[in-house]
Amino acid sequence: MNGRLDWTSDGRAWPNREHSRFLRAGGISWHVQEMGQGPRLLLLHGTAASTHSFRGLAPLLAPHFTLLIPDLPGHAFTEMPPGGRLSLPVMRDLLRALLGATGFAPEMAAGHSAGAAVLCRAALDAPDFRPKRIVSLNGALLPFDGLTGKVAPGLARALYANPIAPRVFAFFAGEDAVKRLVGNMGSRIDRDGVRQYRTLMGNPGHVAAALGMMTHWDLDGLAGDLPRLPVPLTLVTAATDRAVPPATAASVRKILPSADIVALKGVGHLAHEEKPALVADVLLDLARRDGLLPAPAP
């Protein structure tokens, strides 16, 4: 798919740009951001997002953690893999290739929405991926219920198969459309965040990647495998999340009783963008619990 974002122009004012670099791993060029010092923390964004979604959270975590934050394959400034099949196993393998190329062995990993599913799939399948904890930030770990779960994947497949569809989506992705989309997820973000999503959703290559993930995503298989997840899982929920409602975490815990739940108030699906300090506090508390960080001085 042509029409990729250009780092020289589109990335000129990218959040935390000074921490960005490009490298090849798994046969594609990756955009990653690296910063901080301390225990190694991997942050993965969700479908249709990018490193920009951690623009406020990363600087709060950098004094405590060494951070690796990639654009997922096909998203923003990272290349689409050959064939464009963005399934969970493909994402798992590409993530392992990236970690191998960087030598980054996460001691904690946090993923937003679909990013949490990638982390769980990697922990289930890859013996070399063993963080002390996976943190699911409004994680999309189960198939969507009801009509949405039946219609959305089929619609995504139809659009993905049409080479014109991503360009049509990009053409109509104005600022008002982005605000409506964010609002429909129960969130409100700042103007910079809206503009950055406008840049992403106005790009046909990025839109094609988002549709590709929706088309090839197998959450039924992940749900069936969750009982054997070998890494402790924390489920962070947001009270007004309309994309992955808090009740989803309760359903995950029925499958995986060892999972614990942290409930956040006053935020929606993009909680880490709305109130990054709130999410930072959760991650810091969990790191202290796991012995990755010292307890705060009395």
Protein backbone atom coordinates (compact mmCIF):
# COMPACT_ATOMS: atom_id res chain seq x y z
CA MET A 1 0.00 0.00 0.00
CA ASN A 2 1.45 3.33 -1.06
CA GLY A 3 0.88 6.57 0.78
CA ARG A 4 2.99 5.97 3.88
CA LEU A 5 3.73 8.78 6.31
CA ASP A 6 7.01 10.60 5.73
CA TRP A 7 9.24 11.21 8.75
CA THR A 8 10.82 14.34 7.27
CA SER A 9 7.49 16.12 6.83
CA ASP A 10 4.81 14.29 8.84
CA GLY A 11 7.19 13.53 11.69
CA ARG A 12 8.68 16.99 11.94
CA ALA A 13 6.75 17.85 15.13
CA TRP A 14 6.16 14.27 16.34
CA PRO A 15 5.88 13.94 20.13
CA ASN A 16 9.16 12.96 21.81
CA ARG A 17 10.84 13.04 18.41
CA GLU A 18 14.28 13.44 19.99
CA HIS A 19 13.97 9.88 21.31
CA SER A 20 13.09 8.33 17.92
CA ARG A 21 15.20 6.11 15.76
CA PHE A 22 14.71 3.69 12.87
CA LEU A 23 16.01 0.14 12.56
CA ARG A 24 15.33 -3.00 10.58
CA ALA A 25 13.99 -6.15 12.19
CA GLY A 26 11.87 -8.99 10.84
CA GLY A 27 12.31 -7.70 7.29
CA ILE A 28 10.73 -4.28 7.90
CA SER A 29 11.84 -0.83 8.97
CA TRP A 30 10.62 0.12 12.46
CA HIS A 31 10.13 3.48 14.11
CA VAL A 32 10.83 3.20 17.83
CA GLN A 33 11.29 5.59 20.71
CA GLU A 34 13.75 4.84 23.48
CA MET A 35 14.24 6.85 26.64
CA GLY A 36 14.74 6.70 30.38
CA GLN A 37 16.69 4.64 32.86
CA GLY A 38 15.88 1.78 35.18
CA PRO A 39 13.98 -1.50 34.69
CA ARG A 40 13.02 -2.20 31.09
CA LEU A 41 9.39 -1.41 30.23
CA LEU A 42 7.87 -2.13 26.80
CA LEU A 43 4.85 -0.03 25.77
CA LEU A 44 2.61 -1.11 22.87
CA HIS A 45 -0.16 1.02 21.40
CA GLY A 46 -3.44 -0.30 20.01
CA THR A 47 -5.04 -0.51 16.59
CA ALA A 48 -4.89 2.74 14.58
CA ALA A 49 -2.67 4.50 17.15
CA SER A 50 1.11 4.99 17.34
CA THR A 51 3.94 6.05 19.63
CA HIS A 52 2.23 9.44 19.87
CA SER A 53 -0.40 7.96 22.19
CA PHE A 54 2.25 7.71 24.92
CA ARG A 55 3.34 11.34 24.46
CA GLY A 56 2.30 12.33 27.97
CA LEU A 57 2.88 9.01 29.73
CA ALA A 58 6.42 8.28 28.53
CA PRO A 59 8.09 11.37 30.06
CA LEU A 60 6.46 10.54 33.41
CA LEU A 61 7.84 6.99 33.29
CA ALA A 62 11.31 7.78 31.91
CA PRO A 63 12.82 8.76 35.29
CA HIS A 64 11.96 5.27 36.56
CA PHE A 65 12.11 2.93 33.55
CA THR A 66 14.10 2.30 30.40
CA LEU A 67 11.37 2.53 27.77
CA LEU A 68 11.00 0.94 24.35
CA ILE A 69 7.96 2.21 22.43
CA PRO A 70 7.50 1.08 18.81
CA ASP A 71 5.03 1.96 16.12
CA LEU A 72 3.39 -1.40 15.43
CA PRO A 73 3.85 -2.89 11.93
CA GLY A 74 2.04 -0.89 9.26
CA HIS A 75 1.23 1.91 11.70
CA ALA A 76 2.54 5.46 11.48
CA PHE A 77 6.24 5.28 10.52
CA THR A 78 6.80 1.50 10.72
CA GLU A 79 6.58 -0.45 7.45
CA MET A 80 3.84 -2.90 6.61
CA PRO A 81 5.16 -6.49 6.52
CA PRO A 82 5.19 -8.27 3.15
CA GLY A 83 1.70 -9.48 2.32
CA GLY A 84 0.16 -7.09 4.84
CA ARG A 85 -1.26 -9.90 7.00
CA LEU A 86 -1.38 -8.34 10.46
CA SER A 87 -2.57 -11.33 12.45
CA LEU A 88 -1.73 -11.90 16.10
CA PRO A 89 0.91 -14.55 15.26
CA VAL A 90 2.51 -12.22 12.70
CA MET A 91 2.56 -9.37 15.22
CA ARG A 92 4.03 -11.76 17.81
CA ASP A 93 6.84 -12.82 15.50
CA LEU A 94 7.64 -9.29 14.39
CA LEU A 95 7.71 -8.08 17.99
CA ARG A 96 10.14 -10.87 18.89
CA ALA A 97 12.32 -9.86 15.94
CA LEU A 98 12.32 -6.26 17.14
CA LEU A 99 13.24 -7.25 20.68
CA GLY A 100 16.01 -9.46 19.35
CA ALA A 101 17.41 -6.69 17.15
CA THR A 102 17.42 -4.17 19.99
CA GLY A 103 18.52 -6.60 22.70
CA PHE A 104 15.64 -5.31 24.79
CA ALA A 105 14.32 -7.90 27.27
CA PRO A 106 11.29 -6.32 28.99
CA GLU A 107 10.95 -6.72 32.72
CA MET A 108 7.43 -5.28 32.47
CA ALA A 109 5.21 -4.82 29.43
CA ALA A 110 2.10 -2.69 29.06
CA GLY A 111 -0.21 -2.70 26.06
CA HIS A 112 -3.20 -0.57 25.23
CA SER A 113 -6.26 -2.26 23.67
CA ALA A 114 -4.99 -4.56 20.88
CA GLY A 115 -1.42 -4.02 22.10
CA ALA A 116 -2.32 -6.02 25.20
CA ALA A 117 -3.42 -8.92 23.00
CA VAL A 118 -0.06 -8.90 21.20
CA LEU A 119 1.76 -9.07 24.54
CA CYS A 120 -0.36 -11.96 25.81
CA ARG A 121 0.07 -13.87 22.54
CA ALA A 122 3.83 -13.40 22.75
CA ALA A 123 3.97 -14.58 26.36
CA LEU A 124 1.87 -17.65 25.51
CA ASP A 125 3.95 -18.69 22.53
CA ALA A 126 7.49 -17.40 23.05
CA PRO A 127 9.58 -18.87 25.90
CA ASP A 128 12.02 -15.95 25.54
CA PHE A 129 9.30 -13.35 26.29
CA ARG A 130 8.88 -13.42 30.05
CA PRO A 131 8.32 -10.02 31.65
CA LYS A 132 7.48 -10.10 35.33
CA ARG A 133 4.06 -8.67 34.51
CA ILE A 134 1.83 -7.74 31.59
CA VAL A 135 -0.39 -4.73 32.13
CA SER A 136 -3.49 -4.56 29.95
CA LEU A 137 -4.62 -0.95 29.51
CA ASN A 138 -8.25 -1.33 28.45
CA GLY A 139 -7.07 -4.46 26.70
CA ALA A 140 -9.03 -5.99 23.83
CA LEU A 141 -8.45 -9.59 24.91
CA LEU A 142 -11.86 -11.12 24.16
CA PRO A 143 -14.04 -11.21 21.02
CA PHE A 144 -16.56 -8.39 20.85
CA ASP A 145 -20.06 -9.37 21.94
CA GLY A 146 -23.25 -9.47 19.92
CA LEU A 147 -23.77 -7.94 16.52
CA THR A 148 -20.55 -5.92 16.63
CA GLY A 149 -18.51 -9.08 16.98
CA LYS A 150 -20.21 -10.61 13.94
CA VAL A 151 -20.36 -7.57 11.65
CA ALA A 152 -17.13 -5.65 12.35
CA PRO A 153 -14.61 -8.29 11.18
CA GLY A 154 -16.57 -8.96 7.98
CA LEU A 155 -16.89 -5.24 7.24
CA ALA A 156 -13.16 -4.78 7.87
CA ARG A 157 -12.38 -7.64 5.47
CA ALA A 158 -14.54 -6.10 2.77
CA LEU A 159 -12.91 -2.71 3.17
CA TYR A 160 -9.42 -4.18 3.41
CA ALA A 161 -9.96 -6.06 0.15
CA ASN A 162 -10.92 -2.83 -1.60
CA PRO A 163 -7.73 -0.86 -2.40
CA ILE A 164 -9.73 2.37 -2.66
CA ALA A 165 -11.31 2.11 0.81
CA PRO A 166 -8.30 3.32 2.87
CA ARG A 167 -8.00 6.38 0.64
CA VAL A 168 -11.69 7.15 1.03
CA PHE A 169 -11.41 6.82 4.80
CA ALA A 170 -8.34 9.04 4.81
CA PHE A 171 -10.07 11.68 2.69
CA PHE A 172 -12.96 12.01 5.15
CA ALA A 173 -10.87 11.81 8.33
CA GLY A 174 -11.16 15.45 9.32
CA GLU A 175 -10.72 16.85 12.81
CA ASP A 176 -14.44 16.64 13.58
CA ALA A 177 -14.52 12.98 12.53
CA VAL A 178 -11.57 12.22 14.82
CA LYS A 179 -13.28 13.98 17.74
CA ARG A 180 -16.43 11.92 17.16
CA LEU A 181 -14.42 8.70 17.02
CA VAL A 182 -12.60 9.53 20.27
CA GLY A 183 -15.86 10.57 21.91
CA ASN A 184 -17.51 7.32 20.87
CA MET A 185 -14.81 5.52 22.86
CA GLY A 186 -15.76 7.50 25.95
CA SER A 187 -12.68 9.72 25.88
CA ARG A 188 -11.71 13.35 25.53
CA ILE A 189 -8.14 14.21 24.54
CA ASP A 190 -6.25 17.45 23.98
CA ARG A 191 -6.02 19.29 20.67
CA ASP A 192 -2.52 18.00 19.97
CA GLY A 193 -3.77 14.45 20.32
CA VAL A 194 -6.66 15.14 17.96
CA ARG A 195 -4.28 16.63 15.39
CA GLN A 196 -1.95 13.64 15.60
CA TYR A 197 -4.80 11.19 15.11
CA ARG A 198 -5.92 13.35 12.20
CA THR A 199 -2.46 12.92 10.65
CA LEU A 200 -2.66 9.16 11.14
CA MET A 201 -6.23 8.67 9.99
CA GLY A 202 -5.61 10.91 7.00
CA ASN A 203 -2.93 8.51 5.77
CA PRO A 204 -4.10 5.59 3.56
CA GLY A 205 -1.21 3.34 4.57
CA HIS A 206 -1.96 3.73 8.27
CA VAL A 207 -5.68 3.17 7.68
CA ALA A 208 -4.90 0.02 5.70
CA ALA A 209 -2.88 -1.30 8.65
CA ALA A 210 -5.75 -0.67 11.07
CA LEU A 211 -8.16 -2.49 8.75
CA GLY A 212 -5.61 -5.26 8.32
CA MET A 213 -5.46 -5.85 12.06
CA MET A 214 -9.25 -5.96 12.33
CA THR A 215 -9.43 -8.35 9.38
CA HIS A 216 -6.92 -10.89 10.64
CA TRP A 217 -7.43 -10.68 14.41
CA ASP A 218 -8.21 -13.98 16.20
CA LEU A 219 -9.37 -13.19 19.73
CA ASP A 220 -11.31 -16.46 20.03
CA GLY A 221 -8.03 -18.34 19.92
CA LEU A 222 -6.43 -15.98 22.43
CA ALA A 223 -9.35 -16.31 24.84
CA GLY A 224 -9.06 -20.09 24.71
CA ASP A 225 -5.36 -19.92 25.54
CA LEU A 226 -5.48 -17.31 28.32
CA PRO A 227 -5.82 -19.91 31.14
CA ARG A 228 -2.23 -20.98 30.47
CA LEU A 229 -0.76 -17.45 30.38
CA PRO A 230 2.62 -17.88 32.14
CA VAL A 231 3.01 -14.21 33.17
CA PRO A 232 1.00 -12.32 35.83
CA LEU A 233 -1.66 -10.14 34.22
CA THR A 234 -3.12 -6.88 35.52
CA LEU A 235 -6.26 -5.55 33.84
CA VAL A 236 -6.59 -1.76 34.01
CA THR A 237 -10.13 -0.64 33.22
CA ALA A 238 -11.67 2.80 32.63
CA ALA A 239 -15.12 3.72 33.88
CA THR A 240 -16.39 5.40 30.70
CA ASP A 241 -14.68 3.11 28.17
CA ARG A 242 -17.19 2.33 25.42
CA ALA A 243 -14.78 0.38 23.22
CA VAL A 244 -13.70 -2.21 25.82
CA PRO A 245 -16.15 -1.81 28.73
CA PRO A 246 -14.94 -2.57 32.27
CA ALA A 247 -17.15 -5.67 32.34
CA THR A 248 -14.73 -7.23 29.84
CA ALA A 249 -12.06 -7.42 32.53
CA ALA A 250 -14.43 -9.34 34.80
CA SER A 251 -14.98 -11.81 31.94
CA VAL A 252 -11.22 -12.19 31.49
CA ARG A 253 -10.80 -12.90 35.19
CA LYS A 254 -13.37 -15.70 34.97
CA ILE A 255 -11.06 -17.28 32.39
CA LEU A 256 -7.87 -16.37 34.26
CA PRO A 257 -8.68 -16.07 38.00
CA SER A 258 -5.11 -15.01 38.84
CA ALA A 259 -5.54 -11.73 36.93
CA ASP A 260 -6.10 -8.66 39.06
CA ILE A 261 -8.14 -5.58 38.14
CA VAL A 262 -7.34 -1.91 38.67
CA ALA A 263 -10.35 0.32 38.02
CA LEU A 264 -9.85 3.95 36.96
CA LYS A 265 -12.55 6.59 37.27
CA GLY A 266 -13.28 9.56 35.06
CA VAL A 267 -11.52 8.27 31.93
CA GLY A 268 -12.41 6.28 28.82
CA HIS A 269 -10.68 4.01 26.32
CA LEU A 270 -7.77 6.43 25.86
CA ALA A 271 -7.17 6.78 29.61
CA HIS A 272 -3.38 6.90 29.16
CA GLU A 273 -3.81 9.96 26.93
CA GLU A 274 -6.51 11.66 29.01
CA LYS A 275 -4.80 11.35 32.39
CA PRO A 276 -1.27 10.00 31.88
CA ALA A 277 -0.30 10.68 35.52
CA LEU A 278 -3.08 8.37 36.69
CA VAL A 279 -1.82 5.52 34.51
CA ALA A 280 1.81 6.25 35.43
CA ASP A 281 0.95 5.83 39.11
CA VAL A 282 -0.61 2.42 38.39
CA LEU A 283 2.50 1.22 36.52
CA LEU A 284 4.83 2.53 39.23
CA ASP A 285 2.81 0.81 41.96
CA LEU A 286 2.89 -2.50 40.08
CA ALA A 287 6.63 -2.22 39.49
CA ARG A 288 7.16 -1.69 43.21
CA ARG A 289 4.94 -4.67 43.99
CA ASP A 290 7.07 -6.85 41.70
CA GLY A 291 10.34 -5.60 43.17
CA LEU A 292 11.41 -3.76 40.01
CA LEU A 293 11.41 -0.43 41.83
CA PRO A 294 12.10 0.36 45.48
CA ALA A 295 9.23 1.31 47.76
CA PRO A 296 8.79 5.09 48.09
CA ALA A 297 10.49 6.73 51.05
CA PRO A 298 8.16 7.23 54.04
